[in-house]
């Protein structure tokens, strides 16, 4: 006689290990030709299915967070003032990037 449905479920629960989905946080800095941070400007990041945007702080930094990812990072394209600054880059938790924007 085989195992009952209850026994099978109990075995699955016993063998189950909690699966966590990674979260990442990364920062982007936009600077001018002199290396000075550009403040108060919108930076957009586009992922495969979604996008985020936020404004740079006084030093030109903007930080993004993504939660519940399938992998330890995410492929991203970065836009500033309608221009592509980086296309199809892989970003992981804690990464920082700096881009120079020429007016």
N, C-alpha and C. Protein backbone atom coordinates (compact mmCIF):
# COMPACT_ATOMS: atom_id res chain seq x y z
N UNK A 1 0.84 -1.17 0.00
CA UNK A 1 0.00 0.00 0.00
C UNK A 1 0.89 1.24 0.00
N UNK A 2 0.59 2.23 -0.88
CA UNK A 2 1.39 3.43 -1.03
C UNK A 2 1.12 4.46 0.05
N UNK A 3 1.92 5.48 0.03
CA UNK A 3 1.77 6.57 1.00
C UNK A 3 0.50 7.36 0.70
N UNK A 4 -0.13 7.85 1.76
CA UNK A 4 -1.33 8.65 1.59
C UNK A 4 -0.96 10.07 1.18
N UNK A 5 -1.93 10.81 0.72
CA UNK A 5 -1.71 12.20 0.34
C UNK A 5 -1.17 13.01 1.51
N UNK A 6 -1.67 12.73 2.69
CA UNK A 6 -1.21 13.45 3.89
C UNK A 6 0.25 13.14 4.17
N UNK A 7 0.66 11.90 4.01
CA UNK A 7 2.05 11.52 4.24
C UNK A 7 2.98 12.18 3.21
N UNK A 8 2.52 12.23 1.98
CA UNK A 8 3.33 12.85 0.93
C UNK A 8 3.52 14.34 1.21
N UNK A 9 2.43 15.01 1.58
CA UNK A 9 2.52 16.44 1.90
C UNK A 9 3.42 16.65 3.10
N UNK A 10 3.31 15.80 4.11
CA UNK A 10 4.16 15.93 5.30
C UNK A 10 5.63 15.77 4.92
N UNK A 11 5.95 14.84 4.02
CA UNK A 11 7.33 14.64 3.59
C UNK A 11 7.83 15.86 2.81
N UNK A 12 6.99 16.40 1.95
CA UNK A 12 7.37 17.59 1.19
C UNK A 12 7.66 18.75 2.14
N UNK A 13 6.80 18.94 3.12
CA UNK A 13 7.00 20.03 4.09
C UNK A 13 8.27 19.81 4.90
N UNK A 14 8.58 18.58 5.21
CA UNK A 14 9.79 18.27 5.97
C UNK A 14 11.03 18.57 5.13
N UNK A 15 10.97 18.26 3.84
CA UNK A 15 12.10 18.47 2.96
C UNK A 15 12.21 19.91 2.46
N UNK A 16 11.16 20.68 2.63
CA UNK A 16 11.11 22.04 2.09
C UNK A 16 12.11 22.94 2.79
N UNK A 17 12.90 23.64 2.00
CA UNK A 17 13.78 24.66 2.55
C UNK A 17 13.22 26.01 2.10
N UNK A 18 13.23 26.95 3.00
CA UNK A 18 12.69 28.26 2.66
C UNK A 18 13.48 28.87 1.51
N UNK A 19 12.78 29.32 0.53
CA UNK A 19 13.40 29.94 -0.63
C UNK A 19 13.24 31.46 -0.48
N UNK A 20 14.35 32.17 -0.56
CA UNK A 20 14.28 33.63 -0.49
C UNK A 20 14.60 34.21 -1.85
N UNK A 21 13.90 35.24 -2.20
CA UNK A 21 14.11 35.93 -3.46
C UNK A 21 15.01 37.11 -3.16
N UNK A 22 16.11 37.26 -3.91
CA UNK A 22 17.07 38.32 -3.59
C UNK A 22 16.50 39.72 -3.81
N UNK A 23 16.97 40.63 -2.99
CA UNK A 23 16.72 42.06 -3.14
C UNK A 23 18.05 42.71 -3.49
N UNK A 24 18.02 43.77 -4.27
CA UNK A 24 19.24 44.50 -4.55
C UNK A 24 19.00 45.98 -4.38
N UNK A 25 20.08 46.68 -4.08
CA UNK A 25 20.10 48.13 -4.03
C UNK A 25 21.36 48.56 -4.76
N UNK A 26 21.23 49.55 -5.63
CA UNK A 26 22.40 50.03 -6.37
C UNK A 26 22.26 51.53 -6.58
N UNK A 27 23.39 52.18 -6.85
CA UNK A 27 23.42 53.62 -6.99
C UNK A 27 24.07 54.04 -8.30
N UNK A 28 23.56 55.14 -8.82
CA UNK A 28 24.07 55.72 -10.05
C UNK A 28 24.39 57.19 -9.77
N UNK A 29 25.54 57.64 -10.27
CA UNK A 29 25.90 59.05 -10.14
C UNK A 29 26.04 59.65 -11.54
N UNK A 30 25.46 60.82 -11.71
CA UNK A 30 25.57 61.55 -12.96
C UNK A 30 26.44 62.78 -12.70
N UNK A 31 27.52 62.92 -13.46
CA UNK A 31 28.43 64.06 -13.29
C UNK A 31 28.57 64.82 -14.61
N UNK A 32 28.99 66.08 -14.48
CA UNK A 32 29.25 66.87 -15.69
C UNK A 32 30.69 66.66 -16.14
N UNK A 33 31.09 67.40 -17.16
CA UNK A 33 32.43 67.23 -17.74
C UNK A 33 33.55 67.50 -16.73
N UNK A 34 33.25 68.29 -15.70
CA UNK A 34 34.24 68.62 -14.67
C UNK A 34 34.21 67.65 -13.49
N UNK A 35 33.35 66.63 -13.56
CA UNK A 35 33.25 65.65 -12.48
C UNK A 35 32.35 66.06 -11.34
N UNK A 36 31.62 67.17 -11.50
CA UNK A 36 30.70 67.65 -10.47
C UNK A 36 29.34 66.96 -10.64
N UNK A 37 28.76 66.49 -9.55
CA UNK A 37 27.47 65.84 -9.59
C UNK A 37 26.38 66.75 -10.11
N UNK A 38 25.52 66.22 -10.95
CA UNK A 38 24.39 66.98 -11.50
C UNK A 38 23.17 66.68 -10.62
N UNK A 39 22.65 67.71 -9.96
CA UNK A 39 21.56 67.50 -9.01
C UNK A 39 20.20 67.80 -9.61
N UNK A 40 19.18 67.16 -9.01
CA UNK A 40 17.79 67.45 -9.34
C UNK A 40 17.32 67.00 -10.71
N UNK A 41 18.02 66.07 -11.31
CA UNK A 41 17.66 65.58 -12.65
C UNK A 41 17.17 64.14 -12.57
N UNK A 42 16.22 63.82 -13.45
CA UNK A 42 15.63 62.48 -13.45
C UNK A 42 16.53 61.46 -14.15
N UNK A 43 16.69 60.32 -13.51
CA UNK A 43 17.39 59.17 -14.08
C UNK A 43 16.37 58.05 -14.18
N UNK A 44 16.28 57.42 -15.34
CA UNK A 44 15.37 56.29 -15.55
C UNK A 44 16.17 55.03 -15.80
N UNK A 45 15.70 53.94 -15.23
CA UNK A 45 16.29 52.63 -15.47
C UNK A 45 15.19 51.71 -15.96
N UNK A 46 15.47 51.02 -17.05
CA UNK A 46 14.48 50.12 -17.65
C UNK A 46 14.98 48.68 -17.53
N UNK A 47 14.10 47.85 -16.99
CA UNK A 47 14.37 46.43 -16.86
C UNK A 47 13.59 45.72 -17.96
N UNK A 48 13.63 44.42 -17.94
CA UNK A 48 12.95 43.67 -19.00
C UNK A 48 11.45 43.96 -19.06
N UNK A 49 10.80 44.00 -17.90
CA UNK A 49 9.35 44.16 -17.89
C UNK A 49 8.86 45.44 -17.20
N UNK A 50 9.73 46.13 -16.49
CA UNK A 50 9.31 47.31 -15.74
C UNK A 50 10.37 48.40 -15.87
N UNK A 51 10.10 49.52 -15.24
CA UNK A 51 11.09 50.59 -15.18
C UNK A 51 10.89 51.39 -13.90
N UNK A 52 11.94 52.10 -13.50
CA UNK A 52 11.91 52.98 -12.34
C UNK A 52 12.55 54.30 -12.73
N UNK A 53 12.23 55.33 -11.99
CA UNK A 53 12.93 56.60 -12.16
C UNK A 53 12.94 57.34 -10.84
N UNK A 54 13.94 58.18 -10.69
CA UNK A 54 14.07 59.01 -9.50
C UNK A 54 14.99 60.17 -9.84
N UNK A 55 15.10 61.10 -8.92
CA UNK A 55 15.89 62.30 -9.16
C UNK A 55 17.20 62.27 -8.38
N UNK A 56 18.24 62.81 -9.00
CA UNK A 56 19.56 62.85 -8.36
C UNK A 56 19.55 63.80 -7.17
N UNK A 57 20.37 63.46 -6.17
CA UNK A 57 20.50 64.32 -5.00
C UNK A 57 21.50 65.45 -5.29
N UNK A 58 21.87 66.19 -4.27
CA UNK A 58 22.77 67.34 -4.45
C UNK A 58 24.13 66.97 -5.01
N UNK A 59 24.56 65.72 -4.80
CA UNK A 59 25.86 65.26 -5.30
C UNK A 59 25.75 64.46 -6.59
N UNK A 60 24.54 64.39 -7.16
CA UNK A 60 24.34 63.67 -8.42
C UNK A 60 24.01 62.20 -8.28
N UNK A 61 23.80 61.73 -7.06
CA UNK A 61 23.52 60.31 -6.82
C UNK A 61 22.02 60.02 -6.81
N UNK A 62 21.65 58.85 -7.27
CA UNK A 62 20.30 58.32 -7.15
C UNK A 62 20.44 56.82 -6.83
N UNK A 63 19.60 56.33 -5.93
CA UNK A 63 19.66 54.93 -5.52
C UNK A 63 18.34 54.24 -5.85
N UNK A 64 18.46 53.03 -6.38
CA UNK A 64 17.30 52.23 -6.74
C UNK A 64 17.33 50.92 -5.97
N UNK A 65 16.14 50.41 -5.67
CA UNK A 65 15.99 49.11 -5.01
C UNK A 65 15.04 48.25 -5.82
N UNK A 66 15.37 46.98 -5.95
CA UNK A 66 14.49 46.00 -6.58
C UNK A 66 14.37 44.81 -5.63
N UNK A 67 13.15 44.31 -5.50
CA UNK A 67 12.89 43.22 -4.56
C UNK A 67 12.38 41.98 -5.28
N UNK A 68 12.57 40.86 -4.62
CA UNK A 68 12.03 39.57 -5.07
C UNK A 68 12.47 39.20 -6.47
N UNK A 69 13.76 39.32 -6.71
CA UNK A 69 14.31 38.96 -8.01
C UNK A 69 14.51 37.45 -8.11
N UNK A 70 14.54 36.95 -9.31
CA UNK A 70 14.79 35.54 -9.54
C UNK A 70 16.29 35.27 -9.42
N UNK A 71 17.11 36.23 -9.85
CA UNK A 71 18.57 36.09 -9.82
C UNK A 71 19.16 37.08 -8.82
N UNK A 72 20.48 37.06 -8.66
CA UNK A 72 21.16 37.96 -7.74
C UNK A 72 21.41 39.34 -8.35
N UNK A 73 20.84 39.61 -9.49
CA UNK A 73 21.00 40.88 -10.16
C UNK A 73 19.93 41.05 -11.22
N UNK A 74 20.08 42.12 -11.99
CA UNK A 74 19.08 42.40 -13.01
C UNK A 74 19.73 43.14 -14.17
N UNK A 75 19.28 42.85 -15.36
CA UNK A 75 19.78 43.53 -16.57
C UNK A 75 19.02 44.84 -16.73
N UNK A 76 19.78 45.92 -16.98
CA UNK A 76 19.22 47.27 -16.92
C UNK A 76 19.76 48.14 -18.04
N UNK A 77 18.93 49.09 -18.50
CA UNK A 77 19.36 50.15 -19.39
C UNK A 77 19.13 51.46 -18.66
N UNK A 78 20.12 52.35 -18.68
CA UNK A 78 20.07 53.61 -17.94
C UNK A 78 19.87 54.77 -18.92
N UNK A 79 18.88 55.64 -18.60
CA UNK A 79 18.58 56.81 -19.42
C UNK A 79 18.70 58.09 -18.61
N UNK A 80 19.18 59.14 -19.26
CA UNK A 80 19.28 60.46 -18.64
C UNK A 80 19.03 61.50 -19.73
N UNK A 81 18.06 62.36 -19.48
CA UNK A 81 17.69 63.41 -20.44
C UNK A 81 17.40 62.85 -21.83
N UNK A 82 16.74 61.69 -21.87
CA UNK A 82 16.36 61.08 -23.13
C UNK A 82 17.47 60.34 -23.85
N UNK A 83 18.67 60.32 -23.28
CA UNK A 83 19.80 59.62 -23.89
C UNK A 83 20.10 58.34 -23.14
N UNK A 84 20.53 57.33 -23.87
CA UNK A 84 20.94 56.07 -23.27
C UNK A 84 22.38 56.23 -22.77
N UNK A 85 22.57 56.07 -21.45
CA UNK A 85 23.91 56.15 -20.88
C UNK A 85 24.57 54.79 -20.81
N UNK A 86 23.77 53.76 -20.62
CA UNK A 86 24.29 52.38 -20.57
C UNK A 86 23.16 51.46 -20.99
N UNK A 87 23.48 50.52 -21.84
CA UNK A 87 22.45 49.62 -22.34
C UNK A 87 22.78 48.18 -21.97
N UNK A 88 21.76 47.51 -21.42
CA UNK A 88 21.85 46.08 -21.16
C UNK A 88 23.01 45.72 -20.23
N UNK A 89 23.15 46.47 -19.12
CA UNK A 89 24.20 46.16 -18.15
C UNK A 89 23.63 45.30 -17.03
N UNK A 90 24.47 44.47 -16.46
CA UNK A 90 24.07 43.59 -15.36
C UNK A 90 24.40 44.30 -14.05
N UNK A 91 23.40 44.44 -13.18
CA UNK A 91 23.57 45.13 -11.91
C UNK A 91 23.28 44.17 -10.78
N UNK A 92 24.17 44.21 -9.77
CA UNK A 92 24.00 43.38 -8.58
C UNK A 92 23.95 44.26 -7.35
N UNK A 93 23.58 43.66 -6.22
CA UNK A 93 23.45 44.39 -4.98
C UNK A 93 24.75 45.11 -4.62
N UNK A 94 24.62 46.40 -4.29
CA UNK A 94 25.76 47.19 -3.85
C UNK A 94 26.54 47.85 -4.97
N UNK A 95 26.20 47.57 -6.22
CA UNK A 95 26.93 48.18 -7.34
C UNK A 95 26.73 49.69 -7.35
N UNK A 96 27.77 50.39 -7.80
CA UNK A 96 27.69 51.83 -8.03
C UNK A 96 28.23 52.12 -9.42
N UNK A 97 27.59 53.06 -10.10
CA UNK A 97 27.99 53.44 -11.45
C UNK A 97 28.07 54.96 -11.51
N UNK A 98 28.98 55.45 -12.32
CA UNK A 98 29.08 56.89 -12.53
C UNK A 98 29.13 57.13 -14.05
N UNK A 99 28.32 58.09 -14.48
CA UNK A 99 28.25 58.42 -15.90
C UNK A 99 28.47 59.92 -16.07
N UNK A 100 29.23 60.27 -17.08
CA UNK A 100 29.47 61.68 -17.38
C UNK A 100 28.48 62.11 -18.46
N UNK A 101 27.79 63.21 -18.17
CA UNK A 101 26.87 63.78 -19.16
C UNK A 101 27.45 65.07 -19.68
N UNK A 102 27.62 65.16 -20.98
CA UNK A 102 28.17 66.36 -21.62
C UNK A 102 27.03 67.22 -22.12
N UNK A 103 26.95 68.42 -21.59
CA UNK A 103 25.90 69.35 -22.03
C UNK A 103 26.17 69.86 -23.41
